[in-house]
Amino acid sequence: MAIGIGRRRFISAFGGTAVAWPLVARAQQPVLPVVGFIGMGSADTDAPNVTAFRKGLNESGYVEGQNAAVEYHHLEGHYDRLPALMADLVRRQVAVIATPGTVPATLAAKAATSTIPIVFGVSQDPVRLGLVASLARPSGNATGINFFMAEVIAKRLLLLHELVPKAVHIAALVNPGNASNTETTVQELQKAAPALALQIRIVNAPTVDAIDAAFAGFAGDRPDALFVMPDAFFFSRRAQFAELSARDRIPATYDNRAFVAAGGLMSYGTDVAEMFHQVGAYAGSILKGAKPADLPVLQSTKFEFAINLQAARALGIEVPPAVLSIADEVVE
């Protein structure tokens, strides 16, 4: 009997050890570094740019779920959520904060931490924004890519004027939640408009309902054309803009070819997908051990001019050959 009892005890103890093994194995698995990705659109509308971001991350040797984790935060234009989100990312000590395409998110990240690396994509001078000491030597915890906005606003307005020469009254839709972009857009439009004899009216549209309301208001005070400011939230609403401008037969200009692909008339701006790709590549470099202070801020060099001929025909616009000849992309 004693031998039997001892055997039962041995089996019980061995069984307990066997049960514990998976728990030990799980505990010993390495914790993946976390990249906090901040998007101001929705998961669906941000999808193409997320793909570009992942490509850059992969090229740096990192694959989601294998040797890195990416937390995607899609705020759908709610800039007011940024402080709480950044505080949470800092509290949890994520490895990198990625803020491609949005100045407010980058500024919120910079205000929240001076130690966690930040990889940004901003449309304005990062030195003037206080993000870096210089483009060549950032000297802090932030770096990324500068894709130009102020420099192309006058060009966009000129192309709109050449495409729709009879348009004089221009409504500029801006998002006051993105204060920095709004300020720059208004200033640059006011500087460029007099030379083209154009009149600019500023219209605030910080939400989905406000965009609808802005177009409803055009029924009583119709503009000749529409200028939509560069904004991550507006980018996420590109289908809404295309639908409303087509419905009300208002020619509109945008900053990104994705608006044209969605049915918008024309766009002129930098290659945004390449910016997301570079942010992903820099995030991967930092996960490898590079310091933001040693990674120079890059600047976009590729600009795209796109025209949607189908939208032009629906608006009764005959695209001048001179304008058509300089288009980088023509949607039939």
C-alpha atoms as a PDB file:
ATOM      1  CA  MET A   1       0.000   0.000   0.000  1.00  0.00           C
ATOM      2  CA  ALA A   2       2.790   2.440   0.830  1.00  0.00           C
ATOM      3  CA  ILE A   3       4.365   1.853  -2.570  1.00  0.00           C
ATOM      4  CA  GLY A   4       1.012   2.534  -4.239  1.00  0.00           C
ATOM      5  CA  ILE A   5       0.532   5.755  -2.352  1.00  0.00           C
ATOM      6  CA  GLY A   6       4.041   6.899  -3.175  1.00  0.00           C
ATOM      7  CA  ARG A   7       3.449   6.157  -6.860  1.00  0.00           C
ATOM      8  CA  ARG A   8       0.217   8.129  -6.861  1.00  0.00           C
ATOM      9  CA  ARG A   9       1.967  11.073  -5.222  1.00  0.00           C
ATOM     10  CA  PHE A  10       4.779  10.952  -7.802  1.00  0.00           C
ATOM     11  CA  ILE A  11       2.330  10.933 -10.723  1.00  0.00           C
ATOM     12  CA  SER A  12       0.374  13.800  -9.196  1.00  0.00           C
ATOM     13  CA  ALA A  13       3.480  15.885  -8.725  1.00  0.00           C
ATOM     14  CA  PHE A  14       4.730  15.133 -12.252  1.00  0.00           C
ATOM     15  CA  GLY A  15       1.325  16.024 -13.646  1.00  0.00           C
ATOM     16  CA  GLY A  16       1.394  19.362 -11.835  1.00  0.00           C
ATOM     17  CA  THR A  17       4.760  20.164 -13.371  1.00  0.00           C
ATOM     18  CA  ALA A  18       3.491  19.298 -16.843  1.00  0.00           C
ATOM     19  CA  VAL A  19       0.548  21.651 -16.461  1.00  0.00           C
ATOM     20  CA  ALA A  20       2.846  24.476 -15.442  1.00  0.00           C
ATOM     21  CA  TRP A  21       5.160  24.172 -18.486  1.00  0.00           C
ATOM     22  CA  PRO A  22       2.938  26.075 -20.973  1.00  0.00           C
ATOM     23  CA  LEU A  23       2.607  28.918 -18.480  1.00  0.00           C
ATOM     24  CA  VAL A  24       6.378  29.117 -18.079  1.00  0.00           C
ATOM     25  CA  ALA A  25       6.862  28.998 -21.870  1.00  0.00           C
ATOM     26  CA  ARG A  26       4.399  31.823 -22.358  1.00  0.00           C
ATOM     27  CA  ALA A  27       6.079  33.888 -19.678  1.00  0.00           C
ATOM     28  CA  GLN A  28       9.437  33.426 -21.364  1.00  0.00           C
ATOM     29  CA  GLN A  29       8.257  34.561 -24.806  1.00  0.00           C
ATOM     30  CA  PRO A  30       9.836  37.932 -25.684  1.00  0.00           C
ATOM     31  CA  VAL A  31       7.596  40.956 -25.392  1.00  0.00           C
ATOM     32  CA  LEU A  32       7.280  42.612 -28.809  1.00  0.00           C
ATOM     33  CA  PRO A  33       8.134  46.322 -29.096  1.00  0.00           C
ATOM     34  CA  VAL A  34       4.993  48.374 -29.676  1.00  0.00           C
ATOM     35  CA  VAL A  35       4.583  51.105 -32.284  1.00  0.00           C
ATOM     36  CA  GLY A  36       1.670  53.435 -31.609  1.00  0.00           C
ATOM     37  CA  PHE A  37       0.294  54.523 -35.006  1.00  0.00           C
ATOM     38  CA  ILE A  38      -1.990  57.586 -34.970  1.00  0.00           C
ATOM     39  CA  GLY A  39      -4.394  58.119 -37.867  1.00  0.00           C
ATOM     40  CA  MET A  40      -6.996  60.884 -38.020  1.00  0.00           C
ATOM     41  CA  GLY A  41      -9.317  59.000 -40.374  1.00  0.00           C
ATOM     42  CA  SER A  42     -11.095  55.658 -40.024  1.00  0.00           C
ATOM     43  CA  ALA A  43      -9.582  52.201 -40.362  1.00  0.00           C
ATOM     44  CA  ASP A  44     -11.154  51.856 -43.825  1.00  0.00           C
ATOM     45  CA  THR A  45     -10.093  55.229 -45.212  1.00  0.00           C
ATOM     46  CA  ASP A  46      -6.594  54.962 -43.732  1.00  0.00           C
ATOM     47  CA  ALA A  47      -6.076  51.447 -45.157  1.00  0.00           C
ATOM     48  CA  PRO A  48      -4.015  52.387 -48.280  1.00  0.00           C
ATOM     49  CA  ASN A  49      -1.636  54.516 -46.230  1.00  0.00           C
ATOM     50  CA  VAL A  50      -1.361  51.844 -43.535  1.00  0.00           C
ATOM     51  CA  THR A  51      -0.252  49.441 -46.276  1.00  0.00           C
ATOM     52  CA  ALA A  52       2.493  51.887 -47.272  1.00  0.00           C
ATOM     53  CA  PHE A  53       3.529  52.265 -43.615  1.00  0.00           C
ATOM     54  CA  ARG A  54       3.777  48.477 -43.204  1.00  0.00           C
ATOM     55  CA  LYS A  55       5.891  48.238 -46.342  1.00  0.00           C
ATOM     56  CA  GLY A  56       8.427  50.647 -44.868  1.00  0.00           C
ATOM     57  CA  LEU A  57       8.399  48.762 -41.566  1.00  0.00           C
ATOM     58  CA  ASN A  58       8.949  45.449 -43.376  1.00  0.00           C
ATOM     59  CA  GLU A  59      11.826  46.847 -45.412  1.00  0.00           C
ATOM     60  CA  SER A  60      13.505  47.734 -42.118  1.00  0.00           C
ATOM     61  CA  GLY A  61      13.249  44.115 -41.008  1.00  0.00           C
ATOM     62  CA  TYR A  62      10.087  44.247 -38.904  1.00  0.00           C
ATOM     63  CA  VAL A  63       6.888  42.245 -39.449  1.00  0.00           C
ATOM     64  CA  GLU A  64       3.767  42.811 -37.402  1.00  0.00           C
ATOM     65  CA  GLY A  65       3.068  39.981 -34.991  1.00  0.00           C
ATOM     66  CA  GLN A  66       6.520  38.439 -35.454  1.00  0.00           C
ATOM     67  CA  ASN A  67       9.078  40.877 -34.112  1.00  0.00           C
ATOM     68  CA  ALA A  68       6.972  44.030 -33.623  1.00  0.00           C
ATOM     69  CA  ALA A  69       3.438  45.018 -32.672  1.00  0.00           C
ATOM     70  CA  VAL A  70       1.566  47.990 -34.082  1.00  0.00           C
ATOM     71  CA  GLU A  71      -1.352  49.578 -32.274  1.00  0.00           C
ATOM     72  CA  TYR A  72      -3.545  51.481 -34.731  1.00  0.00           C
ATOM     73  CA  HIS A  73      -5.510  54.394 -33.337  1.00  0.00           C
ATOM     74  CA  HIS A  74      -7.944  55.827 -35.914  1.00  0.00           C
ATOM     75  CA  LEU A  75      -9.490  58.945 -34.384  1.00  0.00           C
ATOM     76  CA  GLU A  76     -11.894  59.845 -37.231  1.00  0.00           C
ATOM     77  CA  GLY A  77     -11.205  63.559 -36.992  1.00  0.00           C
ATOM     78  CA  HIS A  78     -11.548  63.796 -33.208  1.00  0.00           C
ATOM     79  CA  TYR A  79      -8.467  65.891 -32.503  1.00  0.00           C
ATOM     80  CA  ASP A  80      -9.700  66.440 -28.948  1.00  0.00           C
ATOM     81  CA  ARG A  81      -8.864  62.811 -28.117  1.00  0.00           C
ATOM     82  CA  LEU A  82      -5.157  63.286 -28.735  1.00  0.00           C
ATOM     83  CA  PRO A  83      -3.996  64.390 -25.243  1.00  0.00           C
ATOM     84  CA  ALA A  84      -5.561  61.382 -23.487  1.00  0.00           C
ATOM     85  CA  LEU A  85      -4.301  58.977 -26.140  1.00  0.00           C
ATOM     86  CA  MET A  86      -0.753  60.307 -25.949  1.00  0.00           C
ATOM     87  CA  ALA A  87      -0.801  60.164 -22.161  1.00  0.00           C
ATOM     88  CA  ASP A  88      -1.798  56.490 -22.361  1.00  0.00           C
ATOM     89  CA  LEU A  89       0.948  55.640 -24.886  1.00  0.00           C
ATOM     90  CA  VAL A  90       3.533  57.383 -22.715  1.00  0.00           C
ATOM     91  CA  ARG A  91       2.284  55.671 -19.556  1.00  0.00           C
ATOM     92  CA  ARG A  92       2.689  52.290 -21.252  1.00  0.00           C
ATOM     93  CA  GLN A  93       6.098  53.250 -22.637  1.00  0.00           C
ATOM     94  CA  VAL A  94       5.545  52.193 -26.253  1.00  0.00           C
ATOM     95  CA  ALA A  95       8.726  51.877 -28.314  1.00  0.00           C
ATOM     96  CA  VAL A  96       7.795  54.424 -31.015  1.00  0.00           C
ATOM     97  CA  ILE A  97       4.948  56.865 -31.659  1.00  0.00           C
ATOM     98  CA  ALA A  98       4.201  57.265 -35.388  1.00  0.00           C
ATOM     99  CA  THR A  99       2.207  60.323 -36.441  1.00  0.00           C
ATOM    100  CA  PRO A 100       2.198  60.345 -40.258  1.00  0.00           C
ATOM    101  CA  GLY A 101       0.255  63.103 -41.970  1.00  0.00           C
ATOM    102  CA  THR A 102      -1.002  65.055 -38.991  1.00  0.00           C
ATOM    103  CA  VAL A 103       0.534  68.097 -37.321  1.00  0.00           C
ATOM    104  CA  PRO A 104      -1.833  68.087 -34.284  1.00  0.00           C
ATOM    105  CA  ALA A 105      -0.963  64.472 -33.416  1.00  0.00           C
ATOM    106  CA  THR A 106       2.749  65.204 -33.744  1.00  0.00           C
ATOM    107  CA  LEU A 107       2.512  68.283 -31.522  1.00  0.00           C
ATOM    108  CA  ALA A 108       0.475  66.313 -28.973  1.00  0.00           C
ATOM    109  CA  ALA A 109       3.100  63.558 -28.946  1.00  0.00           C
ATOM    110  CA  LYS A 110       5.927  66.049 -28.536  1.00  0.00           C
ATOM    111  CA  ALA A 111       4.087  67.729 -25.654  1.00  0.00           C
ATOM    112  CA  ALA A 112       3.547  64.365 -23.968  1.00  0.00           C
ATOM    113  CA  THR A 113       7.091  62.998 -24.063  1.00  0.00           C
ATOM    114  CA  SER A 114      10.679  64.082 -24.544  1.00  0.00           C
ATOM    115  CA  THR A 115      12.067  60.546 -24.395  1.00  0.00           C
ATOM    116  CA  ILE A 116       9.901  58.149 -26.443  1.00  0.00           C
ATOM    117  CA  PRO A 117      10.920  58.322 -30.137  1.00  0.00           C
ATOM    118  CA  ILE A 118       8.424  60.069 -32.424  1.00  0.00           C
ATOM    119  CA  VAL A 119       8.372  59.577 -36.202  1.00  0.00           C
ATOM    120  CA  PHE A 120       6.258  62.223 -37.900  1.00  0.00           C
ATOM    121  CA  GLY A 121       5.002  63.217 -41.304  1.00  0.00           C
ATOM    122  CA  VAL A 122       4.117  66.917 -41.230  1.00  0.00           C
ATOM    123  CA  SER A 123       3.115  69.364 -43.917  1.00  0.00           C
ATOM    124  CA  GLN A 124       4.829  72.333 -42.303  1.00  0.00           C
ATOM    125  CA  ASP A 125       8.368  73.287 -41.315  1.00  0.00           C
ATOM    126  CA  PRO A 126       9.225  71.000 -38.361  1.00  0.00           C
ATOM    127  CA  VAL A 127      11.825  73.486 -37.138  1.00  0.00           C
ATOM    128  CA  ARG A 128       9.262  76.279 -36.951  1.00  0.00           C
ATOM    129  CA  LEU A 129       6.838  73.880 -35.234  1.00  0.00           C
ATOM    130  CA  GLY A 130       9.460  73.237 -32.559  1.00  0.00           C
ATOM    131  CA  LEU A 131       9.742  69.524 -33.340  1.00  0.00           C
ATOM    132  CA  VAL A 132      13.450  69.489 -34.258  1.00  0.00           C
ATOM    133  CA  ALA A 133      16.474  71.754 -33.889  1.00  0.00           C
ATOM    134  CA  SER A 134      17.331  71.434 -37.572  1.00  0.00           C
ATOM    135  CA  LEU A 135      16.495  69.174 -40.501  1.00  0.00           C
ATOM    136  CA  ALA A 136      19.999  67.704 -40.685  1.00  0.00           C
ATOM    137  CA  ARG A 137      20.371  67.255 -36.918  1.00  0.00           C
ATOM    138  CA  PRO A 138      16.996  66.867 -35.170  1.00  0.00           C
ATOM    139  CA  SER A 139      18.757  66.708 -31.751  1.00  0.00           C
ATOM    140  CA  GLY A 140      15.733  65.431 -29.854  1.00  0.00           C
ATOM    141  CA  ASN A 141      13.311  62.512 -29.721  1.00  0.00           C
ATOM    142  CA  ALA A 142      11.519  63.307 -33.002  1.00  0.00           C
ATOM    143  CA  THR A 143      12.290  62.971 -36.696  1.00  0.00           C
ATOM    144  CA  GLY A 144      10.437  62.079 -39.877  1.00  0.00           C
ATOM    145  CA  ILE A 145       9.484  63.620 -43.174  1.00  0.00           C
ATOM    146  CA  ASN A 146       8.326  67.087 -44.181  1.00  0.00           C
ATOM    147  CA  PHE A 147       5.857  67.094 -47.066  1.00  0.00           C
ATOM    148  CA  PHE A 148       5.216  70.605 -48.278  1.00  0.00           C
ATOM    149  CA  MET A 149       1.873  72.371 -47.913  1.00  0.00           C
ATOM    150  CA  ALA A 150       2.370  76.147 -47.933  1.00  0.00           C
ATOM    151  CA  GLU A 151       4.600  75.899 -50.986  1.00  0.00           C
ATOM    152  CA  VAL A 152       1.912  74.170 -53.079  1.00  0.00           C
ATOM    153  CA  ILE A 153      -1.207  76.114 -52.076  1.00  0.00           C
ATOM    154  CA  ALA A 154      -0.542  78.926 -54.572  1.00  0.00           C
ATOM    155  CA  LYS A 155       0.173  76.328 -57.267  1.00  0.00           C
ATOM    156  CA  ARG A 156      -3.092  74.528 -56.532  1.00  0.00           C
ATOM    157  CA  LEU A 157      -5.000  77.782 -56.762  1.00  0.00           C
ATOM    158  CA  LEU A 158      -3.296  78.627 -60.060  1.00  0.00           C
ATOM    159  CA  LEU A 159      -4.126  75.215 -61.554  1.00  0.00           C
ATOM    160  CA  LEU A 160      -7.752  75.604 -60.459  1.00  0.00           C
ATOM    161  CA  HIS A 161      -7.843  79.034 -62.088  1.00  0.00           C
ATOM    162  CA  GLU A 162      -6.408  77.643 -65.328  1.00  0.00           C
ATOM    163  CA  LEU A 163      -8.871  74.773 -65.319  1.00  0.00           C
ATOM    164  CA  VAL A 164     -11.903  76.931 -64.464  1.00  0.00           C
ATOM    165  CA  PRO A 165     -10.900  80.461 -65.598  1.00  0.00           C
ATOM    166  CA  LYS A 166     -14.372  81.914 -65.041  1.00  0.00           C
ATOM    167  CA  ALA A 167     -14.386  80.959 -61.356  1.00  0.00           C
ATOM    168  CA  VAL A 168     -13.903  84.075 -59.217  1.00  0.00           C
ATOM    169  CA  HIS A 169     -15.614  83.334 -55.898  1.00  0.00           C
ATOM    170  CA  ILE A 170     -13.736  80.500 -54.169  1.00  0.00           C
ATOM    171  CA  ALA A 171     -14.942  78.842 -50.957  1.00  0.00           C
ATOM    172  CA  ALA A 172     -12.071  77.416 -48.898  1.00  0.00           C
ATOM    173  CA  LEU A 173     -13.121  74.582 -46.591  1.00  0.00           C
ATOM    174  CA  VAL A 174     -10.910  74.371 -43.493  1.00  0.00           C
ATOM    175  CA  ASN A 175     -10.866  72.312 -40.315  1.00  0.00           C
ATOM    176  CA  PRO A 176     -10.339  74.559 -37.269  1.00  0.00           C
ATOM    177  CA  GLY A 177      -9.499  71.443 -35.254  1.00  0.00           C
ATOM    178  CA  ASN A 178      -6.282  71.364 -37.270  1.00  0.00           C
ATOM    179  CA  ALA A 179      -5.352  74.909 -36.323  1.00  0.00           C
ATOM    180  CA  SER A 180      -1.845  74.968 -37.778  1.00  0.00           C
ATOM    181  CA  ASN A 181      -2.921  73.798 -41.246  1.00  0.00           C
ATOM    182  CA  THR A 182      -5.903  76.132 -41.182  1.00  0.00           C
ATOM    183  CA  GLU A 183      -3.744  79.143 -40.375  1.00  0.00           C
ATOM    184  CA  THR A 184      -1.252  78.333 -43.118  1.00  0.00           C
ATOM    185  CA  THR A 185      -3.975  77.625 -45.697  1.00  0.00           C
ATOM    186  CA  VAL A 186      -5.767  80.900 -45.027  1.00  0.00           C
ATOM    187  CA  GLN A 187      -2.549  82.936 -45.104  1.00  0.00           C
ATOM    188  CA  GLU A 188      -1.294  81.401 -48.350  1.00  0.00           C
ATOM    189  CA  LEU A 189      -4.657  81.717 -50.091  1.00  0.00           C
ATOM    190  CA  GLN A 190      -4.967  85.359 -49.097  1.00  0.00           C
ATOM    191  CA  LYS A 191      -1.485  86.022 -50.470  1.00  0.00           C
ATOM    192  CA  ALA A 192      -2.071  84.182 -53.758  1.00  0.00           C
ATOM    193  CA  ALA A 193      -5.655  85.223 -54.551  1.00  0.00           C
ATOM    194  CA  PRO A 194      -5.151  88.923 -55.482  1.00  0.00           C
ATOM    195  CA  ALA A 195      -2.714  88.136 -58.295  1.00  0.00           C
ATOM    196  CA  LEU A 196      -5.386  85.918 -59.876  1.00  0.00           C
ATOM    197  CA  ALA A 197      -8.251  88.347 -59.121  1.00  0.00           C
ATOM    198  CA  LEU A 198      -9.941  85.735 -56.957  1.00  0.00           C
ATOM    199  CA  GLN A 199     -12.109  86.247 -53.889  1.00  0.00           C
ATOM    200  CA  ILE A 200     -11.697  83.780 -51.028  1.00  0.00           C
ATOM    201  CA  ARG A 201     -14.382  82.881 -48.487  1.00  0.00           C
ATOM    202  CA  ILE A 202     -13.361  80.712 -45.505  1.00  0.00           C
ATOM    203  CA  VAL A 203     -15.833  78.001 -44.428  1.00  0.00           C
ATOM    204  CA  ASN A 204     -15.251  75.927 -41.264  1.00  0.00           C
ATOM    205  CA  ALA A 205     -16.109  72.219 -41.491  1.00  0.00           C
ATOM    206  CA  PRO A 206     -14.654  70.267 -38.532  1.00  0.00           C
ATOM    207  CA  THR A 207     -17.105  67.327 -38.604  1.00  0.00           C
ATOM    208  CA  VAL A 208     -19.013  65.111 -41.030  1.00  0.00           C
ATOM    209  CA  ASP A 209     -22.224  67.017 -40.315  1.00  0.00           C
ATOM    210  CA  ALA A 210     -20.427  70.344 -40.746  1.00  0.00           C
ATOM    211  CA  ILE A 211     -19.262  69.307 -44.214  1.00  0.00           C
ATOM    212  CA  ASP A 212     -22.862  68.502 -45.137  1.00  0.00           C
ATOM    213  CA  ALA A 213     -23.992  71.812 -43.659  1.00  0.00           C
ATOM    214  CA  ALA A 214     -21.347  73.734 -45.603  1.00  0.00           C
ATOM    215  CA  PHE A 215     -22.600  72.339 -48.901  1.00  0.00           C
ATOM    216  CA  ALA A 216     -26.193  72.974 -47.869  1.00  0.00           C
ATOM    217  CA  GLY A 217     -25.228  76.592 -47.233  1.00  0.00           C
ATOM    218  CA  PHE A 218     -23.837  76.889 -50.756  1.00  0.00           C
ATOM    219  CA  ALA A 219     -27.414  76.689 -52.052  1.00  0.00           C
ATOM    220  CA  GLY A 220     -27.994  80.252 -50.883  1.00  0.00           C
ATOM    221  CA  ASP A 221     -24.501  81.602 -51.545  1.00  0.00           C
ATOM    222  CA  ARG A 222     -22.988  79.459 -54.233  1.00  0.00           C
ATOM    223  CA  PRO A 223     -19.223  79.651 -54.833  1.00  0.00           C
ATOM    224  CA  ASP A 224     -17.753  79.245 -58.311  1.00  0.00           C
ATOM    225  CA  ALA A 225     -15.283  76.655 -57.032  1.00  0.00           C
ATOM    226  CA  LEU A 226     -14.086  74.949 -53.856  1.00  0.00           C
ATOM    227  CA  PHE A 227     -10.614  74.732 -52.313  1.00  0.00           C
ATOM    228  CA  VAL A 228     -10.304  71.947 -49.707  1.00  0.00           C
ATOM    229  CA  MET A 229      -7.395  72.391 -47.303  1.00  0.00           C
ATOM    230  CA  PRO A 230      -4.925  69.548 -46.603  1.00  0.00           C
ATOM    231  CA  ASP A 231      -6.210  67.690 -43.548  1.00  0.00           C
ATOM    232  CA  ALA A 232      -6.106  64.052 -42.439  1.00  0.00           C
ATOM    233  CA  PHE A 233      -9.790  64.120 -41.477  1.00  0.00           C
ATOM    234  CA  PHE A 234     -10.785  65.649 -44.815  1.00  0.00           C
ATOM    235  CA  PHE A 235      -8.744  62.927 -46.523  1.00  0.00           C
ATOM    236  CA  SER A 236     -10.855  60.324 -44.735  1.00  0.00           C
ATOM    237  CA  ARG A 237     -14.014  62.021 -46.071  1.00  0.00           C
ATOM    238  CA  ARG A 238     -12.893  62.127 -49.715  1.00  0.00           C
ATOM    239  CA  ALA A 239     -15.906  60.106 -50.934  1.00  0.00           C
ATOM    240  CA  GLN A 240     -18.239  62.542 -49.178  1.00  0.00           C
ATOM    241  CA  PHE A 241     -16.536  65.531 -50.828  1.00  0.00           C
ATOM    242  CA  ALA A 242     -16.671  63.910 -54.264  1.00  0.00           C
ATOM    243  CA  GLU A 243     -20.353  63.070 -53.884  1.00  0.00           C
ATOM    244  CA  LEU A 244     -21.401  66.506 -52.620  1.00  0.00           C
ATOM    245  CA  SER A 245     -19.354  68.509 -55.132  1.00  0.00           C
ATOM    246  CA  ALA A 246     -20.746  66.362 -57.986  1.00  0.00           C
ATOM    247  CA  ARG A 247     -24.288  66.717 -56.672  1.00  0.00           C
ATOM    248  CA  ASP A 248     -24.017  70.501 -56.442  1.00  0.00           C
ATOM    249  CA  ARG A 249     -21.872  70.786 -59.591  1.00  0.00           C
ATOM    250  CA  ILE A 250     -19.075  72.713 -57.869  1.00  0.00           C
ATOM    251  CA  PRO A 251     -15.513  72.324 -59.228  1.00  0.00           C
ATOM    252  CA  ALA A 252     -13.172  71.448 -56.385  1.00  0.00           C
ATOM    253  CA  THR A 253      -9.430  71.143 -55.870  1.00  0.00           C
ATOM    254  CA  TYR A 254      -7.738  68.863 -53.355  1.00  0.00           C
ATOM    255  CA  ASP A 255      -4.230  68.071 -52.151  1.00  0.00           C
ATOM    256  CA  ASN A 256      -4.120  64.332 -52.842  1.00  0.00           C
ATOM    257  CA  ARG A 257      -4.768  62.123 -55.873  1.00  0.00           C
ATOM    258  CA  ALA A 258      -6.957  59.833 -53.728  1.00  0.00           C
ATOM    259  CA  PHE A 259      -9.660  62.536 -53.912  1.00  0.00           C
ATOM    260  CA  VAL A 260      -9.512  62.350 -57.709  1.00  0.00           C
ATOM    261  CA  ALA A 261      -9.683  58.557 -57.619  1.00  0.00           C
ATOM    262  CA  ALA A 262     -12.806  58.923 -55.461  1.00  0.00           C
ATOM    263  CA  GLY A 263     -14.454  61.156 -58.094  1.00  0.00           C
ATOM    264  CA  GLY A 264     -13.055  64.609 -57.322  1.00  0.00           C
ATOM    265  CA  LEU A 265     -12.109  66.982 -60.138  1.00  0.00           C
ATOM    266  CA  MET A 266      -8.400  67.707 -59.542  1.00  0.00           C
ATOM    267  CA  SER A 267      -5.587  67.519 -57.030  1.00  0.00           C
ATOM    268  CA  TYR A 268      -2.042  68.753 -56.623  1.00  0.00           C
ATOM    269  CA  GLY A 269       0.304  67.842 -53.820  1.00  0.00           C
ATOM    270  CA  THR A 270       3.063  65.566 -52.595  1.00  0.00           C
ATOM    271  CA  ASP A 271       3.022  61.772 -52.739  1.00  0.00           C
ATOM    272  CA  VAL A 272       1.379  60.989 -49.399  1.00  0.00           C
ATOM    273  CA  ALA A 273       1.757  57.207 -49.706  1.00  0.00           C
ATOM    274  CA  GLU A 274       5.524  57.635 -49.984  1.00  0.00           C
ATOM    275  CA  MET A 275       5.468  59.754 -46.825  1.00  0.00           C
ATOM    276  CA  PHE A 276       3.710  56.944 -44.902  1.00  0.00           C
ATOM    277  CA  HIS A 277       6.214  54.479 -46.345  1.00  0.00           C
ATOM    278  CA  GLN A 278       9.131  56.568 -45.080  1.00  0.00           C
ATOM    279  CA  VAL A 279       7.573  56.942 -41.617  1.00  0.00           C
ATOM    280  CA  GLY A 280       7.347  53.133 -41.461  1.00  0.00           C
ATOM    281  CA  ALA A 281      10.987  52.786 -42.533  1.00  0.00           C
ATOM    282  CA  TYR A 282      12.184  55.268 -39.905  1.00  0.00           C
ATOM    283  CA  ALA A 283      10.089  53.550 -37.223  1.00  0.00           C
ATOM    284  CA  GLY A 284      11.808  50.280 -38.119  1.00  0.00           C
ATOM    285  CA  SER A 285      15.233  51.908 -37.993  1.00  0.00           C
ATOM    286  CA  ILE A 286      14.511  53.164 -34.486  1.00  0.00           C
ATOM    287  CA  LEU A 287      13.339  49.711 -33.382  1.00  0.00           C
ATOM    288  CA  LYS A 288      16.741  48.464 -34.586  1.00  0.00           C
ATOM    289  CA  GLY A 289      18.460  50.950 -32.312  1.00  0.00           C
ATOM    290  CA  ALA A 290      18.823  54.166 -34.319  1.00  0.00           C
ATOM    291  CA  LYS A 291      18.177  57.391 -32.435  1.00  0.00           C
ATOM    292  CA  PRO A 292      15.801  60.038 -33.821  1.00  0.00           C
ATOM    293  CA  ALA A 293      18.452  62.692 -33.188  1.00  0.00           C
ATOM    294  CA  ASP A 294      20.726  60.942 -35.700  1.00  0.00           C
ATOM    295  CA  LEU A 295      18.104  60.490 -38.447  1.00  0.00           C
ATOM    296  CA  PRO A 296      17.810  63.643 -40.593  1.00  0.00           C
ATOM    297  CA  VAL A 297      14.356  64.942 -41.436  1.00  0.00           C
ATOM    298  CA  LEU A 298      13.578  64.072 -45.041  1.00  0.00           C
ATOM    299  CA  GLN A 299      11.686  66.305 -47.454  1.00  0.00           C
ATOM    300  CA  SER A 300       9.253  65.254 -50.157  1.00  0.00           C
ATOM    301  CA  THR A 301      10.488  65.820 -53.681  1.00  0.00           C
ATOM    302  CA  LYS A 302       7.697  64.238 -55.724  1.00  0.00           C
ATOM    303  CA  PHE A 303       4.577  66.255 -56.556  1.00  0.00           C
ATOM    304  CA  GLU A 304       1.504  64.883 -58.330  1.00  0.00           C
ATOM    305  CA  PHE A 305      -1.082  66.684 -60.459  1.00  0.00           C
ATOM    306  CA  ALA A 306      -4.180  64.575 -61.164  1.00  0.00           C
ATOM    307  CA  ILE A 307      -7.320  65.330 -63.169  1.00  0.00           C
ATOM    308  CA  ASN A 308     -10.579  63.377 -63.406  1.00  0.00           C
ATOM    309  CA  LEU A 309     -11.903  63.845 -66.959  1.00  0.00           C
ATOM    310  CA  GLN A 310     -15.181  62.152 -66.133  1.00  0.00           C
ATOM    311  CA  ALA A 311     -15.800  64.636 -63.341  1.00  0.00           C
ATOM    312  CA  ALA A 312     -14.805  67.489 -65.674  1.00  0.00           C
ATOM    313  CA  ARG A 313     -17.309  66.367 -68.310  1.00  0.00           C
ATOM    314  CA  ALA A 314     -20.067  66.081 -65.682  1.00  0.00           C
ATOM    315  CA  LEU A 315     -19.317  69.680 -64.641  1.00  0.00           C
ATOM    316  CA  GLY A 316     -19.263  70.886 -68.239  1.00  0.00           C
ATOM    317  CA  ILE A 317     -15.551  71.734 -68.032  1.00  0.00           C
ATOM    318  CA  GLU A 318     -13.363  71.413 -71.093  1.00  0.00           C
ATOM    319  CA  VAL A 319      -9.845  70.773 -69.843  1.00  0.00           C
ATOM    320  CA  PRO A 320      -7.372  73.012 -71.725  1.00  0.00           C
ATOM    321  CA  PRO A 321      -4.693  71.016 -73.589  1.00  0.00           C
ATOM    322  CA  ALA A 322      -1.963  72.973 -71.800  1.00  0.00           C
ATOM    323  CA  VAL A 323      -3.333  71.845 -68.430  1.00  0.00           C
ATOM    324  CA  LEU A 324      -3.878  68.271 -69.567  1.00  0.00           C
ATOM    325  CA  SER A 325      -0.317  68.036 -70.870  1.00  0.00           C
ATOM    326  CA  ILE A 326       1.228  68.627 -67.426  1.00  0.00           C
ATOM    327  CA  ALA A 327      -1.012  66.194 -65.529  1.00  0.00           C
ATOM    328  CA  ASP A 328       0.821  63.283 -63.929  1.00  0.00           C
ATOM    329  CA  GLU A 329      -2.335  61.210 -63.793  1.00  0.00           C
ATOM    330  CA  VAL A 330      -5.553  61.421 -65.825  1.00  0.00           C
ATOM    331  CA  VAL A 331      -8.618  59.499 -64.694  1.00  0.00           C
ATOM    332  CA  GLU A 332     -10.852  58.717 -67.660  1.00  0.00           C
END
